[in-house]
């Protein structure tokens, strides 16, 4: 797996996302997904949404580790403003 392939999976799973970024290699990836769907969701529920389209590739070993940021548009705006 490469970042572009993972991004394609996430774009298909989150067609209304404002931002999807994927970086990494060697089976270890960092993911940022910004979506209105995360408003009011608990962190574990957000993670489950991200893992769902990736589970097959995690199970196969193509993806070894995923660190993620699941942000609402407002959280994303504040993060970009204040670092």
PDB file of N, CA and C in Angstrom:
ATOM      1  N   UNK A   1       0.851  -1.186   0.000  1.00  0.00           N
ATOM      2  CA  UNK A   1       0.000   0.000   0.000  1.00  0.00           C
ATOM      3  C   UNK A   1       0.888   1.239   0.000  1.00  0.00           C
ATOM      4  N   UNK A   2       0.364   2.250  -0.645  1.00  0.00           N
ATOM      5  CA  UNK A   2       1.047   3.531  -0.639  1.00  0.00           C
ATOM      6  C   UNK A   2       0.037   4.607  -0.236  1.00  0.00           C
ATOM      7  N   UNK A   3       0.508   5.810   0.076  1.00  0.00           N
ATOM      8  CA  UNK A   3      -0.410   6.856   0.519  1.00  0.00           C
ATOM      9  C   UNK A   3      -1.532   7.156  -0.482  1.00  0.00           C
ATOM     10  N   UNK A   4      -1.242   7.116  -1.766  1.00  0.00           N
ATOM     11  CA  UNK A   4      -2.278   7.413  -2.764  1.00  0.00           C
ATOM     12  C   UNK A   4      -3.387   6.363  -2.750  1.00  0.00           C
ATOM     13  N   UNK A   5      -3.022   5.109  -2.577  1.00  0.00           N
ATOM     14  CA  UNK A   5      -4.020   4.034  -2.534  1.00  0.00           C
ATOM     15  C   UNK A   5      -4.894   4.153  -1.290  1.00  0.00           C
ATOM     16  N   UNK A   6      -4.279   4.474  -0.166  1.00  0.00           N
ATOM     17  CA  UNK A   6      -5.046   4.651   1.061  1.00  0.00           C
ATOM     18  C   UNK A   6      -5.951   5.866   0.950  1.00  0.00           C
ATOM     19  N   UNK A   7      -5.426   6.939   0.386  1.00  0.00           N
ATOM     20  CA  UNK A   7      -6.241   8.139   0.202  1.00  0.00           C
ATOM     21  C   UNK A   7      -7.457   7.821  -0.676  1.00  0.00           C
ATOM     22  N   UNK A   8      -7.267   7.047  -1.730  1.00  0.00           N
ATOM     23  CA  UNK A   8      -8.383   6.684  -2.609  1.00  0.00           C
ATOM     24  C   UNK A   8      -9.456   5.916  -1.842  1.00  0.00           C
ATOM     25  N   UNK A   9      -9.053   4.998  -0.965  1.00  0.00           N
ATOM     26  CA  UNK A   9     -10.016   4.268  -0.140  1.00  0.00           C
ATOM     27  C   UNK A   9     -10.796   5.222   0.764  1.00  0.00           C
ATOM     28  N   UNK A  10     -10.084   6.177   1.352  1.00  0.00           N
ATOM     29  CA  UNK A  10     -10.734   7.115   2.270  1.00  0.00           C
ATOM     30  C   UNK A  10     -11.633   8.105   1.534  1.00  0.00           C
ATOM     31  N   UNK A  11     -11.228   8.536   0.345  1.00  0.00           N
ATOM     32  CA  UNK A  11     -12.076   9.423  -0.456  1.00  0.00           C
ATOM     33  C   UNK A  11     -13.380   8.719  -0.814  1.00  0.00           C
ATOM     34  N   UNK A  12     -13.297   7.444  -1.148  1.00  0.00           N
ATOM     35  CA  UNK A  12     -14.509   6.682  -1.467  1.00  0.00           C
ATOM     36  C   UNK A  12     -15.402   6.535  -0.235  1.00  0.00           C
ATOM     37  N   UNK A  13     -14.794   6.362   0.928  1.00  0.00           N
ATOM     38  CA  UNK A  13     -15.559   6.176   2.162  1.00  0.00           C
ATOM     39  C   UNK A  13     -16.098   7.488   2.730  1.00  0.00           C
ATOM     40  N   UNK A  14     -15.421   8.591   2.438  1.00  0.00           N
ATOM     41  CA  UNK A  14     -15.798   9.910   2.961  1.00  0.00           C
ATOM     42  C   UNK A  14     -15.925  10.913   1.817  1.00  0.00           C
ATOM     43  N   UNK A  15     -16.899  10.731   0.941  1.00  0.00           N
ATOM     44  CA  UNK A  15     -16.999  11.603  -0.235  1.00  0.00           C
ATOM     45  C   UNK A  15     -17.263  13.077   0.104  1.00  0.00           C
ATOM     46  N   UNK A  16     -17.797  13.344   1.284  1.00  0.00           N
ATOM     47  CA  UNK A  16     -18.089  14.725   1.661  1.00  0.00           C
ATOM     48  C   UNK A  16     -17.003  15.351   2.526  1.00  0.00           C
ATOM     49  N   UNK A  17     -15.886  14.656   2.721  1.00  0.00           N
ATOM     50  CA  UNK A  17     -14.804  15.191   3.552  1.00  0.00           C
ATOM     51  C   UNK A  17     -14.229  16.461   2.933  1.00  0.00           C
ATOM     52  N   UNK A  18     -13.926  17.415   3.779  1.00  0.00           N
ATOM     53  CA  UNK A  18     -13.326  18.660   3.307  1.00  0.00           C
ATOM     54  C   UNK A  18     -11.838  18.490   3.016  1.00  0.00           C
ATOM     55  N   UNK A  19     -11.202  17.543   3.705  1.00  0.00           N
ATOM     56  CA  UNK A  19      -9.755  17.338   3.550  1.00  0.00           C
ATOM     57  C   UNK A  19      -9.427  15.893   3.890  1.00  0.00           C
ATOM     58  N   UNK A  20      -8.581  15.270   3.093  1.00  0.00           N
ATOM     59  CA  UNK A  20      -8.037  13.952   3.406  1.00  0.00           C
ATOM     60  C   UNK A  20      -6.567  13.977   3.015  1.00  0.00           C
ATOM     61  N   UNK A  21      -5.715  13.732   3.997  1.00  0.00           N
ATOM     62  CA  UNK A  21      -4.275  13.689   3.755  1.00  0.00           C
ATOM     63  C   UNK A  21      -3.748  12.354   4.256  1.00  0.00           C
ATOM     64  N   UNK A  22      -2.849  11.752   3.491  1.00  0.00           N
ATOM     65  CA  UNK A  22      -2.214  10.501   3.895  1.00  0.00           C
ATOM     66  C   UNK A  22      -0.728  10.608   3.575  1.00  0.00           C
ATOM     67  N   UNK A  23       0.091  10.316   4.578  1.00  0.00           N
ATOM     68  CA  UNK A  23       1.539  10.284   4.396  1.00  0.00           C
ATOM     69  C   UNK A  23       2.061   8.999   5.024  1.00  0.00           C
ATOM     70  N   UNK A  24       3.287   8.649   4.678  1.00  0.00           N
ATOM     71  CA  UNK A  24       3.927   7.495   5.283  1.00  0.00           C
ATOM     72  C   UNK A  24       4.403   6.495   4.251  1.00  0.00           C
ATOM     73  N   UNK A  25       5.015   5.425   4.741  1.00  0.00           N
ATOM     74  CA  UNK A  25       5.494   4.338   3.893  1.00  0.00           C
ATOM     75  C   UNK A  25       5.831   3.137   4.759  1.00  0.00           C
ATOM     76  N   UNK A  26       6.258   2.070   4.150  1.00  0.00           N
ATOM     77  CA  UNK A  26       6.647   0.845   4.846  1.00  0.00           C
ATOM     78  C   UNK A  26       5.556   0.326   5.777  1.00  0.00           C
ATOM     79  N   UNK A  27       4.300   0.517   5.367  1.00  0.00           N
ATOM     80  CA  UNK A  27       3.189  -0.005   6.148  1.00  0.00           C
ATOM     81  C   UNK A  27       2.736   0.869   7.294  1.00  0.00           C
ATOM     82  N   UNK A  28       3.415   2.003   7.519  1.00  0.00           N
ATOM     83  CA  UNK A  28       3.061   2.910   8.615  1.00  0.00           C
ATOM     84  C   UNK A  28       2.612   4.238   8.022  1.00  0.00           C
ATOM     85  N   UNK A  29       1.379   4.625   8.337  1.00  0.00           N
ATOM     86  CA  UNK A  29       0.788   5.791   7.694  1.00  0.00           C
ATOM     87  C   UNK A  29       0.171   6.747   8.700  1.00  0.00           C
ATOM     88  N   UNK A  30       0.173   8.023   8.315  1.00  0.00           N
ATOM     89  CA  UNK A  30      -0.480   9.071   9.081  1.00  0.00           C
ATOM     90  C   UNK A  30      -1.633   9.586   8.229  1.00  0.00           C
ATOM     91  N   UNK A  31      -2.792   9.710   8.860  1.00  0.00           N
ATOM     92  CA  UNK A  31      -4.004  10.086   8.152  1.00  0.00           C
ATOM     93  C   UNK A  31      -4.644  11.282   8.847  1.00  0.00           C
ATOM     94  N   UNK A  32      -5.070  12.251   8.052  1.00  0.00           N
ATOM     95  CA  UNK A  32      -5.896  13.357   8.538  1.00  0.00           C
ATOM     96  C   UNK A  32      -7.161  13.351   7.707  1.00  0.00           C
ATOM     97  N   UNK A  33      -8.303  13.287   8.388  1.00  0.00           N
ATOM     98  CA  UNK A  33      -9.593  13.384   7.711  1.00  0.00           C
ATOM     99  C   UNK A  33     -10.397  14.468   8.403  1.00  0.00           C
ATOM    100  N   UNK A  34     -10.873  15.423   7.611  1.00  0.00           N
ATOM    101  CA  UNK A  34     -11.693  16.531   8.111  1.00  0.00           C
ATOM    102  C   UNK A  34     -13.086  16.367   7.533  1.00  0.00           C
ATOM    103  N   UNK A  35     -14.073  16.216   8.417  1.00  0.00           N
ATOM    104  CA  UNK A  35     -15.427  15.977   7.949  1.00  0.00           C
ATOM    105  C   UNK A  35     -16.455  16.454   8.966  1.00  0.00           C
ATOM    106  N   UNK A  36     -17.557  16.968   8.455  1.00  0.00           N
ATOM    107  CA  UNK A  36     -18.696  17.344   9.299  1.00  0.00           C
ATOM    108  C   UNK A  36     -19.251  16.135  10.038  1.00  0.00           C
ATOM    109  N   UNK A  37     -19.079  14.953   9.467  1.00  0.00           N
ATOM    110  CA  UNK A  37     -19.643  13.747  10.092  1.00  0.00           C
ATOM    111  C   UNK A  37     -19.065  13.509  11.486  1.00  0.00           C
ATOM    112  N   UNK A  38     -17.900  14.089  11.787  1.00  0.00           N
ATOM    113  CA  UNK A  38     -17.261  13.877  13.079  1.00  0.00           C
ATOM    114  C   UNK A  38     -17.830  14.757  14.191  1.00  0.00           C
ATOM    115  N   UNK A  39     -18.658  15.725  13.847  1.00  0.00           N
ATOM    116  CA  UNK A  39     -19.243  16.616  14.851  1.00  0.00           C
ATOM    117  C   UNK A  39     -20.051  15.780  15.843  1.00  0.00           C
ATOM    118  N   UNK A  40     -19.700  15.903  17.113  1.00  0.00           N
ATOM    119  CA  UNK A  40     -20.428  15.215  18.174  1.00  0.00           C
ATOM    120  C   UNK A  40     -20.059  13.758  18.374  1.00  0.00           C
ATOM    121  N   UNK A  41     -19.154  13.229  17.568  1.00  0.00           N
ATOM    122  CA  UNK A  41     -18.760  11.817  17.706  1.00  0.00           C
ATOM    123  C   UNK A  41     -17.654  11.676  18.747  1.00  0.00           C
ATOM    124  N   UNK A  42     -17.662  10.557  19.420  1.00  0.00           N
ATOM    125  CA  UNK A  42     -16.592  10.227  20.368  1.00  0.00           C
ATOM    126  C   UNK A  42     -15.350   9.798  19.574  1.00  0.00           C
ATOM    127  N   UNK A  43     -14.167   9.988  20.169  1.00  0.00           N
ATOM    128  CA  UNK A  43     -12.932   9.629  19.459  1.00  0.00           C
ATOM    129  C   UNK A  43     -12.893   8.187  18.947  1.00  0.00           C
ATOM    130  N   UNK A  44     -13.366   7.240  19.739  1.00  0.00           N
ATOM    131  CA  UNK A  44     -13.330   5.838  19.307  1.00  0.00           C
ATOM    132  C   UNK A  44     -14.231   5.627  18.092  1.00  0.00           C
ATOM    133  N   UNK A  45     -15.392   6.255  18.079  1.00  0.00           N
ATOM    134  CA  UNK A  45     -16.301   6.126  16.929  1.00  0.00           C
ATOM    135  C   UNK A  45     -15.667   6.718  15.675  1.00  0.00           C
ATOM    136  N   UNK A  46     -14.948   7.826  15.822  1.00  0.00           N
ATOM    137  CA  UNK A  46     -14.244   8.432  14.682  1.00  0.00           C
ATOM    138  C   UNK A  46     -13.195   7.466  14.137  1.00  0.00           C
ATOM    139  N   UNK A  47     -12.425   6.860  15.042  1.00  0.00           N
ATOM    140  CA  UNK A  47     -11.397   5.908  14.626  1.00  0.00           C
ATOM    141  C   UNK A  47     -12.013   4.719  13.904  1.00  0.00           C
ATOM    142  N   UNK A  48     -13.125   4.228  14.404  1.00  0.00           N
ATOM    143  CA  UNK A  48     -13.787   3.097  13.766  1.00  0.00           C
ATOM    144  C   UNK A  48     -14.207   3.442  12.338  1.00  0.00           C
ATOM    145  N   UNK A  49     -14.652   4.677  12.120  1.00  0.00           N
ATOM    146  CA  UNK A  49     -15.033   5.113  10.768  1.00  0.00           C
ATOM    147  C   UNK A  49     -13.831   5.078   9.830  1.00  0.00           C
ATOM    148  N   UNK A  50     -12.659   5.460  10.333  1.00  0.00           N
ATOM    149  CA  UNK A  50     -11.448   5.462   9.508  1.00  0.00           C
ATOM    150  C   UNK A  50     -10.967   4.028   9.253  1.00  0.00           C
ATOM    151  N   UNK A  51     -10.991   3.205  10.288  1.00  0.00           N
ATOM    152  CA  UNK A  51     -10.515   1.832  10.148  1.00  0.00           C
ATOM    153  C   UNK A  51     -11.387   0.999   9.211  1.00  0.00           C
ATOM    154  N   UNK A  52     -12.686   1.272   9.162  1.00  0.00           N
ATOM    155  CA  UNK A  52     -13.609   0.433   8.379  1.00  0.00           C
ATOM    156  C   UNK A  52     -13.139   0.192   6.943  1.00  0.00           C
ATOM    157  N   UNK A  53     -12.821   1.231   6.152  1.00  0.00           N
ATOM    158  CA  UNK A  53     -12.386   0.960   4.776  1.00  0.00           C
ATOM    159  C   UNK A  53     -10.956   0.414   4.678  1.00  0.00           C
ATOM    160  N   UNK A  54     -10.215   0.442   5.783  1.00  0.00           N
ATOM    161  CA  UNK A  54      -8.821  -0.004   5.772  1.00  0.00           C
ATOM    162  C   UNK A  54      -8.633  -1.402   6.353  1.00  0.00           C
ATOM    163  N   UNK A  55      -9.649  -1.932   7.024  1.00  0.00           N
ATOM    164  CA  UNK A  55      -9.509  -3.195   7.768  1.00  0.00           C
ATOM    165  C   UNK A  55      -8.972  -4.354   6.933  1.00  0.00           C
ATOM    166  N   UNK A  56      -9.432  -4.492   5.716  1.00  0.00           N
ATOM    167  CA  UNK A  56      -8.966  -5.590   4.856  1.00  0.00           C
ATOM    168  C   UNK A  56      -7.455  -5.512   4.658  1.00  0.00           C
ATOM    169  N   UNK A  57      -6.944  -4.303   4.482  1.00  0.00           N
ATOM    170  CA  UNK A  57      -5.521  -4.104   4.224  1.00  0.00           C
ATOM    171  C   UNK A  57      -4.694  -4.202   5.507  1.00  0.00           C
ATOM    172  N   UNK A  58      -5.314  -3.868   6.637  1.00  0.00           N
ATOM    173  CA  UNK A  58      -4.651  -4.065   7.926  1.00  0.00           C
ATOM    174  C   UNK A  58      -4.537  -5.562   8.196  1.00  0.00           C
ATOM    175  N   UNK A  59      -5.627  -6.286   7.966  1.00  0.00           N
ATOM    176  CA  UNK A  59      -5.633  -7.735   8.196  1.00  0.00           C
ATOM    177  C   UNK A  59      -4.620  -8.459   7.316  1.00  0.00           C
ATOM    178  N   UNK A  60      -4.438  -7.972   6.090  1.00  0.00           N
ATOM    179  CA  UNK A  60      -3.502  -8.622   5.173  1.00  0.00           C
ATOM    180  C   UNK A  60      -2.041  -8.279   5.487  1.00  0.00           C
ATOM    181  N   UNK A  61      -1.840  -7.252   6.314  1.00  0.00           N
ATOM    182  CA  UNK A  61      -0.486  -6.813   6.636  1.00  0.00           C
ATOM    183  C   UNK A  61       0.043  -5.732   5.720  1.00  0.00           C
ATOM    184  N   UNK A  62      -0.742  -5.334   4.709  1.00  0.00           N
ATOM    185  CA  UNK A  62      -0.305  -4.271   3.800  1.00  0.00           C
ATOM    186  C   UNK A  62      -0.200  -2.934   4.537  1.00  0.00           C
ATOM    187  N   UNK A  63      -1.052  -2.767   5.530  1.00  0.00           N
ATOM    188  CA  UNK A  63      -0.983  -1.601   6.415  1.00  0.00           C
ATOM    189  C   UNK A  63      -0.652  -2.140   7.796  1.00  0.00           C
ATOM    190  N   UNK A  64       0.446  -1.661   8.342  1.00  0.00           N
ATOM    191  CA  UNK A  64       0.892  -2.146   9.649  1.00  0.00           C
ATOM    192  C   UNK A  64       0.389  -1.250  10.775  1.00  0.00           C
ATOM    193  N   UNK A  65       0.426   0.057  10.564  1.00  0.00           N
ATOM    194  CA  UNK A  65       0.028   1.000  11.607  1.00  0.00           C
ATOM    195  C   UNK A  65      -0.570   2.248  10.973  1.00  0.00           C
ATOM    196  N   UNK A  66      -1.572   2.786  11.646  1.00  0.00           N
ATOM    197  CA  UNK A  66      -2.212   4.020  11.186  1.00  0.00           C
ATOM    198  C   UNK A  66      -2.340   4.955  12.383  1.00  0.00           C
ATOM    199  N   UNK A  67      -1.738   6.126  12.272  1.00  0.00           N
ATOM    200  CA  UNK A  67      -2.007   7.166  13.259  1.00  0.00           C
ATOM    201  C   UNK A  67      -2.935   8.154  12.562  1.00  0.00           C
ATOM    202  N   UNK A  68      -3.901   8.662  13.295  1.00  0.00           N
ATOM    203  CA  UNK A  68      -4.909   9.475  12.619  1.00  0.00           C
ATOM    204  C   UNK A  68      -5.317  10.679  13.431  1.00  0.00           C
ATOM    205  N   UNK A  69      -5.728  11.682  12.681  1.00  0.00           N
ATOM    206  CA  UNK A  69      -6.404  12.845  13.230  1.00  0.00           C
ATOM    207  C   UNK A  69      -7.746  12.912  12.525  1.00  0.00           C
ATOM    208  N   UNK A  70      -8.796  12.897  13.311  1.00  0.00           N
ATOM    209  CA  UNK A  70     -10.153  12.978  12.780  1.00  0.00           C
ATOM    210  C   UNK A  70     -10.737  14.278  13.301  1.00  0.00           C
ATOM    211  N   UNK A  71     -10.901  15.233  12.417  1.00  0.00           N
ATOM    212  CA  UNK A  71     -11.252  16.588  12.825  1.00  0.00           C
ATOM    213  C   UNK A  71     -12.539  17.068  12.176  1.00  0.00           C
ATOM    214  N   UNK A  72     -13.245  17.904  12.918  1.00  0.00           N
ATOM    215  CA  UNK A  72     -14.365  18.621  12.323  1.00  0.00           C
ATOM    216  C   UNK A  72     -13.772  19.801  11.557  1.00  0.00           C
ATOM    217  N   UNK A  73     -14.531  20.402  10.651  1.00  0.00           N
ATOM    218  CA  UNK A  73     -14.007  21.580   9.943  1.00  0.00           C
ATOM    219  C   UNK A  73     -13.572  22.695  10.897  1.00  0.00           C
ATOM    220  N   UNK A  74     -14.295  22.887  11.983  1.00  0.00           N
ATOM    221  CA  UNK A  74     -13.924  23.931  12.947  1.00  0.00           C
ATOM    222  C   UNK A  74     -12.619  23.584  13.662  1.00  0.00           C
ATOM    223  N   UNK A  75     -12.441  22.335  14.047  1.00  0.00           N
ATOM    224  CA  UNK A  75     -11.183  21.904  14.668  1.00  0.00           C
ATOM    225  C   UNK A  75     -10.018  22.071  13.695  1.00  0.00           C
ATOM    226  N   UNK A  76     -10.246  21.750  12.427  1.00  0.00           N
ATOM    227  CA  UNK A  76      -9.226  21.896  11.384  1.00  0.00           C
ATOM    228  C   UNK A  76      -8.843  23.369  11.214  1.00  0.00           C
ATOM    229  N   UNK A  77      -9.846  24.225  11.197  1.00  0.00           N
ATOM    230  CA  UNK A  77      -9.597  25.665  11.052  1.00  0.00           C
ATOM    231  C   UNK A  77      -8.732  26.165  12.217  1.00  0.00           C
ATOM    232  N   UNK A  78      -9.086  25.792  13.442  1.00  0.00           N
ATOM    233  CA  UNK A  78      -8.340  26.223  14.616  1.00  0.00           C
ATOM    234  C   UNK A  78      -6.927  25.659  14.617  1.00  0.00           C
ATOM    235  N   UNK A  79      -6.781  24.400  14.200  1.00  0.00           N
ATOM    236  CA  UNK A  79      -5.460  23.784  14.157  1.00  0.00           C
ATOM    237  C   UNK A  79      -4.560  24.520  13.175  1.00  0.00           C
ATOM    238  N   UNK A  80      -5.105  24.888  12.033  1.00  0.00           N
ATOM    239  CA  UNK A  80      -4.294  25.598  11.030  1.00  0.00           C
ATOM    240  C   UNK A  80      -3.964  27.020  11.493  1.00  0.00           C
ATOM    241  N   UNK A  81      -4.868  27.645  12.237  1.00  0.00           N
ATOM    242  CA  UNK A  81      -4.621  29.005  12.724  1.00  0.00           C
ATOM    243  C   UNK A  81      -3.606  29.031  13.863  1.00  0.00           C
ATOM    244  N   UNK A  82      -3.748  28.079  14.778  1.00  0.00           N
ATOM    245  CA  UNK A  82      -2.962  28.134  16.020  1.00  0.00           C
ATOM    246  C   UNK A  82      -1.896  27.044  16.103  1.00  0.00           C
ATOM    247  N   UNK A  83      -1.795  26.231  15.070  1.00  0.00           N
ATOM    248  CA  UNK A  83      -0.767  25.203  15.057  1.00  0.00           C
ATOM    249  C   UNK A  83      -1.186  24.047  15.885  1.00  0.00           C
TER     250      UNK A  83
END
